[in-house]
Amino acid sequence: MPSVPRVDRLKPIYTAAKALNFGWRFSDFLKIPAYNGISRYTNQLHRITVRFCKQSESSVGMRNFIENKLDEIGRRNPSVVIYAQPVRNSNPSIRAEYGNGRTLQINAKNMSESEVSKDIHLLFSRSGEPVVKLESRQSALVPSVQGQWTPITWLPTAMNTEQLPAKKFSEHKSTATSATEYILQNPPK
């Protein structure tokens, strides 16, 4: 009798493989946290846990990082909770928890202080989304043919060369003249 594939096992295997962040396996469109930066910027990284051993040789870089740079990073990023957790006889690791519920863990065994600092910076600059091959370099919450509007979309190009503040750019724009009057005053060339 031929073996029947177990369909109930496919979904856990697929989701487990997707959680590994193999960018070459999965492709997706660019995603950003919805409306982040519209009213205020919300840091996507919420918590970092730095695990290290007080005696082991593999934790030397991590201990140097904690002594020299961790305090400065904590002062620069007050919205991120940073835990330093000494665990006896364990390999050093850095664990990041993001606002979308994802966690990312980096093994820091035998890393130097600069390598640990580089990896911490990488965790701060990520959004928590998995690393995927991009189908398109552009994304929008609402697809539009016109592109995305920004407050500086229709600014006059003369502002690029003008010494600011300039009186002509500070004047109030009124709608005292109608569209018909405007066309009569400024005929097309």
Protein backbone atom coordinates (compact mmCIF):
# COMPACT_ATOMS: atom_id res chain seq x y z
CA MET A 1 0.00 0.00 0.00
CA PRO A 2 1.50 3.39 -0.98
CA SER A 3 2.20 5.90 1.72
CA VAL A 4 -0.19 8.81 1.96
CA PRO A 5 1.37 12.21 2.69
CA ARG A 6 0.28 13.72 5.97
CA VAL A 7 -1.35 17.00 4.99
CA ASP A 8 -1.76 18.07 8.61
CA ARG A 9 2.06 18.29 8.91
CA LEU A 10 2.62 20.52 5.88
CA LYS A 11 1.44 23.79 7.42
CA PRO A 12 3.64 23.57 10.55
CA ILE A 13 6.64 22.66 8.39
CA TYR A 14 5.98 25.57 6.03
CA THR A 15 5.49 28.10 8.82
CA ALA A 16 8.58 26.83 10.64
CA ALA A 17 10.65 27.25 7.46
CA LYS A 18 9.24 30.75 6.96
CA ALA A 19 10.26 31.71 10.49
CA LEU A 20 13.89 30.87 9.69
CA ASN A 21 14.15 34.06 7.57
CA PHE A 22 15.68 32.38 4.52
CA GLY A 23 15.30 35.25 2.07
CA TRP A 24 16.12 33.10 -0.93
CA ARG A 25 13.17 30.80 -0.30
CA PHE A 26 10.33 33.30 -0.01
CA SER A 27 9.41 36.37 -2.00
CA ASP A 28 7.05 39.09 -0.88
CA PHE A 29 6.22 42.73 -1.33
CA LEU A 30 7.81 45.44 0.79
CA LYS A 31 5.93 45.89 4.05
CA ILE A 32 6.19 48.60 6.65
CA PRO A 33 4.33 48.90 9.93
CA ALA A 34 1.04 50.61 9.07
CA TYR A 35 1.14 54.39 9.34
CA ASN A 36 4.46 54.45 11.22
CA GLY A 37 5.74 58.02 11.07
CA ILE A 38 2.44 59.67 10.08
CA SER A 39 1.80 61.26 13.47
CA ARG A 40 4.91 60.02 15.29
CA TYR A 41 7.59 57.40 14.82
CA THR A 42 7.23 54.23 16.86
CA ASN A 43 10.35 52.15 17.26
CA GLN A 44 9.57 48.57 16.21
CA LEU A 45 12.16 47.05 18.54
CA HIS A 46 10.68 46.75 22.03
CA ARG A 47 13.12 44.61 24.01
CA ILE A 48 16.68 43.32 23.77
CA THR A 49 17.97 40.58 26.05
CA VAL A 50 21.76 40.15 26.14
CA ARG A 51 22.81 36.79 27.65
CA PHE A 52 26.41 36.09 28.60
CA CYS A 53 28.59 34.06 30.95
CA LYS A 54 30.78 35.86 33.50
CA GLN A 55 33.70 33.43 33.18
CA SER A 56 33.70 31.82 29.73
CA GLU A 57 36.12 32.83 26.98
CA SER A 58 33.36 32.90 24.36
CA SER A 59 31.66 35.81 26.19
CA VAL A 60 34.65 38.19 26.29
CA GLY A 61 33.38 40.38 23.45
CA MET A 62 29.90 40.49 24.95
CA ARG A 63 31.22 41.46 28.39
CA ASN A 64 33.37 44.23 26.86
CA PHE A 65 30.35 45.48 24.94
CA ILE A 66 28.25 45.56 28.11
CA GLU A 67 30.96 47.43 30.03
CA ASN A 68 31.75 50.00 27.34
CA LYS A 69 28.76 50.60 25.06
CA LEU A 70 25.52 49.23 26.50
CA ASP A 71 24.90 52.24 28.75
CA GLU A 72 25.30 54.66 25.82
CA ILE A 73 22.90 52.64 23.63
CA GLY A 74 20.36 52.59 26.46
CA ARG A 75 20.56 56.37 26.82
CA ARG A 76 20.21 56.89 23.06
CA ASN A 77 17.12 54.62 22.84
CA PRO A 78 14.97 55.15 25.93
CA SER A 79 11.94 53.40 24.38
CA VAL A 80 13.76 50.05 24.13
CA VAL A 81 14.08 47.86 27.23
CA ILE A 82 17.56 46.30 27.48
CA TYR A 83 18.22 43.35 29.77
CA ALA A 84 21.72 42.05 30.58
CA GLN A 85 21.29 38.50 31.80
CA PRO A 86 24.28 36.57 33.15
CA VAL A 87 23.77 32.82 32.68
CA ARG A 88 26.44 30.43 33.94
CA ASN A 89 28.11 28.11 31.40
CA SER A 90 26.13 29.29 28.37
CA ASN A 91 26.96 30.74 24.97
CA PRO A 92 26.36 34.48 24.64
CA SER A 93 23.33 35.50 22.63
CA ILE A 94 21.33 38.58 21.70
CA ARG A 95 17.56 38.26 21.57
CA ALA A 96 15.37 41.00 20.09
CA GLU A 97 11.58 41.23 20.46
CA TYR A 98 9.62 43.39 18.03
CA GLY A 99 6.21 45.04 18.15
CA ASN A 100 4.67 42.64 15.65
CA GLY A 101 5.37 39.69 17.99
CA ARG A 102 8.43 38.34 16.18
CA THR A 103 11.64 37.50 18.00
CA LEU A 104 15.10 37.26 16.51
CA GLN A 105 18.02 35.58 18.25
CA ILE A 106 21.69 35.95 17.29
CA ASN A 107 24.42 33.66 18.59
CA ALA A 108 27.30 35.88 19.76
CA LYS A 109 29.80 33.14 20.55
CA ASN A 110 33.43 34.34 20.19
CA MET A 111 32.37 37.71 18.77
CA SER A 112 34.45 40.81 19.36
CA GLU A 113 33.02 43.96 20.91
CA SER A 114 32.71 45.66 17.51
CA GLU A 115 30.89 42.66 16.00
CA VAL A 116 28.40 42.65 18.88
CA SER A 117 27.88 46.39 18.42
CA LYS A 118 27.28 45.88 14.69
CA ASP A 119 24.68 43.18 15.35
CA ILE A 120 22.90 45.32 17.96
CA HIS A 121 22.74 48.15 15.41
CA LEU A 122 21.27 45.70 12.87
CA LEU A 123 18.55 44.70 15.33
CA PHE A 124 17.69 48.35 15.98
CA SER A 125 17.39 49.11 12.27
CA ARG A 126 15.08 46.18 11.42
CA SER A 127 11.29 46.31 11.50
CA GLY A 128 10.85 42.74 12.72
CA GLU A 129 9.50 41.55 9.39
CA PRO A 130 11.19 38.46 7.93
CA VAL A 131 13.95 38.94 5.39
CA VAL A 132 12.49 38.05 1.98
CA LYS A 133 13.31 38.52 -1.68
CA LEU A 134 11.38 41.59 -2.81
CA GLU A 135 8.96 41.37 -5.71
CA SER A 136 8.76 45.15 -5.98
CA ARG A 137 10.78 47.94 -4.38
CA GLN A 138 7.70 50.09 -3.85
CA SER A 139 4.75 49.61 -1.59
CA ALA A 140 1.69 51.54 -0.53
CA LEU A 141 -1.22 50.71 1.69
CA VAL A 142 -3.59 51.82 -1.10
CA PRO A 143 -2.30 51.15 -4.62
CA SER A 144 -2.45 54.26 -6.77
CA VAL A 145 -1.56 55.10 -10.35
CA GLN A 146 -0.55 58.63 -9.31
CA GLY A 147 1.97 57.57 -6.71
CA GLN A 148 2.07 58.54 -3.08
CA TRP A 149 1.33 62.11 -2.08
CA THR A 150 3.62 63.90 0.37
CA PRO A 151 3.40 67.45 1.75
CA ILE A 152 6.29 68.51 -0.50
CA THR A 153 4.85 67.04 -3.71
CA TRP A 154 3.63 70.32 -5.24
CA LEU A 155 6.16 72.74 -3.78
CA PRO A 156 7.59 75.13 -6.37
CA THR A 157 11.01 74.12 -7.66
CA ALA A 158 12.27 77.68 -7.20
CA MET A 159 12.50 76.92 -3.48
CA ASN A 160 15.50 74.68 -4.20
CA THR A 161 17.71 77.61 -5.21
CA GLU A 162 16.19 80.42 -3.15
CA GLN A 163 17.71 81.66 0.09
CA LEU A 164 15.06 80.87 2.72
CA PRO A 165 13.15 82.44 4.42
CA ALA A 166 11.92 84.36 1.36
CA LYS A 167 8.99 86.75 1.36
CA LYS A 168 7.41 85.35 -1.81
CA PHE A 169 7.12 81.86 -0.29
CA SER A 170 5.73 83.19 2.99
CA GLU A 171 2.71 84.93 1.46
CA HIS A 172 -0.73 83.52 2.16
CA LYS A 173 -2.30 81.79 -0.83
CA SER A 174 -5.87 82.89 -1.16
CA THR A 175 -8.64 81.81 -3.49
CA ALA A 176 -9.93 85.33 -4.08
CA THR A 177 -9.70 84.90 -7.86
CA SER A 178 -11.75 82.23 -9.54
CA ALA A 179 -10.36 79.77 -12.04
CA THR A 180 -11.90 81.72 -14.94
CA GLU A 181 -10.31 84.98 -13.79
CA TYR A 182 -6.96 83.26 -13.39
CA ILE A 183 -7.05 81.91 -16.97
CA LEU A 184 -8.07 85.33 -18.31
CA GLN A 185 -5.18 86.99 -16.45
CA ASN A 186 -2.62 84.30 -17.40
CA PRO A 187 -3.38 83.02 -20.90
CA PRO A 188 -1.64 79.76 -21.87
CA LYS A 189 1.46 80.16 -24.02
